[in-house]
């Protein structure tokens, strides 16, 4: 008797909020061709309503939206959810990028953006829920191996690498997938200085030309949640987790 055929995995559910009609339709069609299930909205308030009414695996938010802009929408989402958020901006050189990342977004792309780049960023975001920290050149090999029970402790900070849970002084801390992946990268190499380009490659899966602002702003968010002295800045090099 042959084994039953496993049921196909459900499609990834994406909420796309973009006010430009042509871009919204073209992105929606392109993502559906890659197998994603897409719901779309033309303004922030409609997007927020859809988010509250339906479960989504990932959100793609344009920064400039009528009514409630993408920054405000991301903040509202972060009040109740850690769902991965990808921001889209027509301006990649300043305030939009910083504001989007500070509001809780995991990553951003600058329009116009090719579909294959957008899909690559989506796949990267979705992979962050399950990953193993990569070894760092020059680090102690023993640092990268968690104990058998998966628990790592750094003062009052506890990182459960098996259950993907974090606590400070016994109190659980909610982290976005990117924040969690960044912390796990630090926790795998305590006391080791991790350069920004290493973090971009291992956490965001960028090449050498990635934007280091995503690292700096995500570290800032981690400090607000874990304590400002937990992650130390090593000027001119990068960051390290204090043992």
Protein backbone atom coordinates (compact mmCIF):
# COMPACT_ATOMS: atom_id res chain seq x y z
CA UNK A 1 0.00 0.00 0.00
CA UNK A 2 1.54 3.28 -1.09
CA UNK A 3 1.97 6.14 1.34
CA UNK A 4 -0.59 8.92 1.05
CA UNK A 5 0.44 11.92 -0.98
CA UNK A 6 1.18 14.84 1.35
CA UNK A 7 -1.11 17.83 0.99
CA UNK A 8 0.47 20.77 -0.82
CA UNK A 9 1.65 23.62 1.36
CA UNK A 10 -0.78 26.53 1.50
CA UNK A 11 0.28 29.58 -0.51
CA UNK A 12 2.02 32.46 1.23
CA UNK A 13 -0.52 35.21 1.91
CA UNK A 14 0.70 38.70 1.02
CA UNK A 15 -0.97 42.03 1.70
CA UNK A 16 0.12 44.64 -0.85
CA UNK A 17 -0.72 48.28 -0.08
CA UNK A 18 0.16 50.56 -3.01
CA UNK A 19 -1.75 53.62 -4.21
CA UNK A 20 -0.44 53.58 -7.79
CA UNK A 21 -3.00 51.55 -9.78
CA UNK A 22 -0.55 50.31 -12.40
CA UNK A 23 2.10 49.26 -9.87
CA UNK A 24 -0.48 47.60 -7.63
CA UNK A 25 -1.87 45.53 -10.49
CA UNK A 26 1.51 44.65 -11.98
CA UNK A 27 3.05 43.66 -8.63
CA UNK A 28 -0.04 41.66 -7.74
CA UNK A 29 -0.06 39.72 -11.01
CA UNK A 30 3.68 39.10 -10.85
CA UNK A 31 3.55 37.79 -7.27
CA UNK A 32 0.61 35.53 -8.09
CA UNK A 33 2.67 34.03 -10.91
CA UNK A 34 5.25 33.08 -8.27
CA UNK A 35 2.54 31.30 -6.31
CA UNK A 36 1.73 33.96 -3.72
CA UNK A 37 -1.84 34.69 -2.67
CA UNK A 38 -2.19 38.46 -2.88
CA UNK A 39 -4.74 40.87 -1.46
CA UNK A 40 -4.28 44.50 -2.40
CA UNK A 41 -5.34 47.90 -1.10
CA UNK A 42 -4.95 51.40 -2.54
CA UNK A 43 -4.71 53.30 0.75
CA UNK A 44 -3.49 52.79 4.29
CA UNK A 45 -6.84 52.65 6.05
CA UNK A 46 -8.16 49.98 3.68
CA UNK A 47 -4.91 48.10 4.13
CA UNK A 48 -5.27 48.26 7.92
CA UNK A 49 -8.84 46.96 7.64
CA UNK A 50 -7.73 44.03 5.47
CA UNK A 51 -4.89 43.27 7.90
CA UNK A 52 -7.30 43.12 10.82
CA UNK A 53 -9.81 40.95 8.96
CA UNK A 54 -7.51 38.39 7.32
CA UNK A 55 -4.33 36.50 8.29
CA UNK A 56 -1.21 37.38 6.28
CA UNK A 57 2.29 35.95 6.16
CA UNK A 58 3.92 39.14 4.88
CA UNK A 59 3.05 42.79 4.23
CA UNK A 60 4.37 45.02 1.44
CA UNK A 61 3.67 48.67 2.21
CA UNK A 62 4.34 51.73 0.09
CA UNK A 63 5.59 54.68 2.16
CA UNK A 64 3.49 57.34 0.43
CA UNK A 65 -0.17 56.38 0.84
CA UNK A 66 -3.33 58.49 1.07
CA UNK A 67 -5.14 58.69 4.40
CA UNK A 68 -2.79 56.61 6.55
CA UNK A 69 0.73 56.47 5.13
CA UNK A 70 2.91 53.38 5.13
CA UNK A 71 4.88 54.52 8.20
CA UNK A 72 1.71 54.95 10.25
CA UNK A 73 0.29 51.70 8.93
CA UNK A 74 3.44 49.81 9.92
CA UNK A 75 3.27 51.28 13.42
CA UNK A 76 -0.37 50.21 13.77
CA UNK A 77 0.51 46.71 12.59
CA UNK A 78 3.38 46.48 15.09
CA UNK A 79 0.98 47.22 17.95
CA UNK A 80 -0.44 43.71 17.59
CA UNK A 81 1.69 41.69 15.16
CA UNK A 82 5.27 40.65 14.35
CA UNK A 83 4.42 39.74 10.74
CA UNK A 84 7.31 40.50 8.36
CA UNK A 85 6.98 43.94 6.74
CA UNK A 86 8.71 45.09 3.55
CA UNK A 87 8.53 48.83 2.82
CA UNK A 88 8.62 50.31 -0.68
CA UNK A 89 9.89 53.83 -1.20
CA UNK A 90 10.33 56.02 -4.26
CA UNK A 91 13.16 57.79 -2.44
CA UNK A 92 16.02 55.65 -1.24
CA UNK A 93 18.41 58.29 0.03
CA UNK A 94 17.10 59.43 3.37
CA UNK A 95 14.10 60.06 5.56
CA UNK A 96 11.66 57.55 4.02
CA UNK A 97 14.04 54.64 4.54
CA UNK A 98 14.94 55.63 8.11
CA UNK A 99 11.33 56.33 9.09
CA UNK A 100 10.15 53.02 7.60
CA UNK A 101 12.75 50.98 9.45
CA UNK A 102 12.20 52.86 12.71
CA UNK A 103 8.47 52.15 12.48
CA UNK A 104 9.21 48.43 12.66
CA UNK A 105 9.71 47.37 9.04
CA UNK A 106 12.14 44.51 8.43
CA UNK A 107 13.52 45.65 5.09
CA UNK A 108 12.89 48.04 2.23
CA UNK A 109 13.17 48.31 -1.54
CA UNK A 110 13.39 51.43 -3.69
CA UNK A 111 10.98 51.85 -6.60
CA UNK A 112 11.15 51.13 -9.42
CA UNK A 113 12.03 47.59 -8.42
CA UNK A 114 12.31 44.51 -10.62
CA UNK A 115 10.00 41.64 -9.76
CA UNK A 116 12.85 39.21 -9.19
CA UNK A 117 14.41 41.60 -6.65
CA UNK A 118 11.07 41.97 -4.86
CA UNK A 119 10.58 38.19 -4.77
CA UNK A 120 14.14 37.68 -3.50
CA UNK A 121 13.50 40.09 -0.61
CA UNK A 122 10.20 38.34 0.17
CA UNK A 123 11.89 34.94 0.26
CA UNK A 124 14.63 36.30 2.49
CA UNK A 125 12.08 37.71 4.93
CA UNK A 126 10.15 34.45 5.08
CA UNK A 127 13.33 32.44 5.72
CA UNK A 128 14.16 34.47 8.82
CA UNK A 129 11.73 32.54 10.99
CA UNK A 130 13.89 29.40 10.72
CA UNK A 131 17.61 29.62 10.24
CA UNK A 132 20.96 28.66 11.77
CA UNK A 133 23.54 31.38 12.49
CA UNK A 134 26.50 31.27 10.16
CA UNK A 135 30.03 30.92 11.56
CA UNK A 136 32.13 34.09 11.57
CA UNK A 137 35.74 33.98 10.35
CA UNK A 138 38.11 34.26 13.29
CA UNK A 139 35.47 33.40 15.89
CA UNK A 140 35.86 30.62 18.41
CA UNK A 141 34.17 27.56 16.79
CA UNK A 142 32.64 26.67 20.15
CA UNK A 143 30.79 29.99 20.23
CA UNK A 144 28.56 29.05 17.32
CA UNK A 145 27.22 25.84 18.90
CA UNK A 146 24.32 26.33 21.34
CA UNK A 147 23.98 23.99 24.34
CA UNK A 148 21.90 20.86 23.98
CA UNK A 149 18.85 22.46 25.60
CA UNK A 150 19.12 25.43 23.23
CA UNK A 151 19.30 27.98 26.06
CA UNK A 152 21.86 30.77 25.94
CA UNK A 153 22.23 33.18 28.85
CA UNK A 154 23.92 36.58 28.91
CA UNK A 155 23.30 38.17 32.29
CA UNK A 156 19.53 38.61 32.58
CA UNK A 157 19.07 37.96 28.85
CA UNK A 158 17.97 34.43 27.91
CA UNK A 159 17.80 33.23 24.31
CA UNK A 160 16.04 29.94 23.57
CA UNK A 161 17.45 28.96 20.18
CA UNK A 162 15.18 25.90 19.97
CA UNK A 163 11.92 27.58 20.87
CA UNK A 164 12.90 30.90 19.26
CA UNK A 165 11.99 32.77 22.45
CA UNK A 166 13.73 35.64 24.21
CA UNK A 167 13.36 36.88 27.78
CA UNK A 168 14.90 39.67 29.86
CA UNK A 169 14.85 39.17 33.63
CA UNK A 170 12.38 36.34 33.10
CA UNK A 171 9.95 38.49 31.11
CA UNK A 172 9.28 37.46 27.47
CA UNK A 173 10.32 39.94 24.80
CA UNK A 174 8.51 40.05 21.45
CA UNK A 175 10.88 40.41 18.50
CA UNK A 176 10.17 40.67 14.80
CA UNK A 177 11.68 37.90 12.64
CA UNK A 178 14.54 40.19 11.61
CA UNK A 179 15.23 41.35 15.17
CA UNK A 180 15.25 37.72 16.32
CA UNK A 181 17.56 36.61 13.54
CA UNK A 182 19.94 39.49 14.30
CA UNK A 183 19.98 38.62 18.01
CA UNK A 184 20.60 34.95 17.24
CA UNK A 185 23.54 35.99 15.07
CA UNK A 186 25.01 37.95 17.98
CA UNK A 187 24.22 35.18 20.49
CA UNK A 188 26.04 32.61 18.36
CA UNK A 189 29.23 34.69 18.69
CA UNK A 190 29.16 36.46 22.08
CA UNK A 191 31.96 38.94 22.58
CA UNK A 192 32.92 38.78 18.89
CA UNK A 193 32.75 41.98 16.85
CA UNK A 194 30.43 41.43 13.87
CA UNK A 195 30.97 43.84 11.01
CA UNK A 196 27.98 45.43 9.33
CA UNK A 197 28.64 43.74 6.00
CA UNK A 198 28.75 40.36 7.78
CA UNK A 199 25.38 41.04 9.39
CA UNK A 200 23.95 42.26 6.07
CA UNK A 201 25.05 39.02 4.42
CA UNK A 202 23.95 36.63 7.19
CA UNK A 203 20.74 38.30 8.37
CA UNK A 204 19.40 40.29 5.40
CA UNK A 205 21.14 38.17 2.74
CA UNK A 206 22.49 41.27 1.02
CA UNK A 207 25.66 41.38 -1.01
CA UNK A 208 28.55 43.70 -0.26
CA UNK A 209 26.61 46.77 -1.51
CA UNK A 210 23.73 46.48 0.99
CA UNK A 211 22.57 49.50 2.97
CA UNK A 212 24.10 49.40 6.46
CA UNK A 213 21.31 51.63 7.79
CA UNK A 214 19.10 48.57 8.14
CA UNK A 215 21.66 47.09 10.54
CA UNK A 216 22.07 50.26 12.61
CA UNK A 217 18.33 50.84 12.97
CA UNK A 218 17.57 47.21 13.80
CA UNK A 219 20.28 47.30 16.47
CA UNK A 220 18.62 50.43 17.89
CA UNK A 221 15.29 48.60 18.09
CA UNK A 222 16.95 45.63 19.82
CA UNK A 223 18.54 47.95 22.37
CA UNK A 224 15.17 49.47 23.21
CA UNK A 225 13.78 46.00 23.88
CA UNK A 226 16.78 44.30 25.52
CA UNK A 227 18.56 47.18 27.26
CA UNK A 228 20.83 49.80 25.78
CA UNK A 229 24.07 48.28 27.11
CA UNK A 230 23.47 44.73 25.86
CA UNK A 231 24.83 45.33 22.34
CA UNK A 232 28.03 47.34 22.23
CA UNK A 233 29.13 49.55 19.34
CA UNK A 234 32.74 49.10 18.29
CA UNK A 235 33.41 52.27 16.32
CA UNK A 236 34.73 51.74 12.83
CA UNK A 237 34.01 48.00 12.92
CA UNK A 238 30.52 46.95 13.98
CA UNK A 239 28.73 45.53 17.01
CA UNK A 240 29.15 42.80 19.60
CA UNK A 241 26.94 41.17 22.21
CA UNK A 242 28.31 41.54 25.71
CA UNK A 243 28.80 38.22 27.47
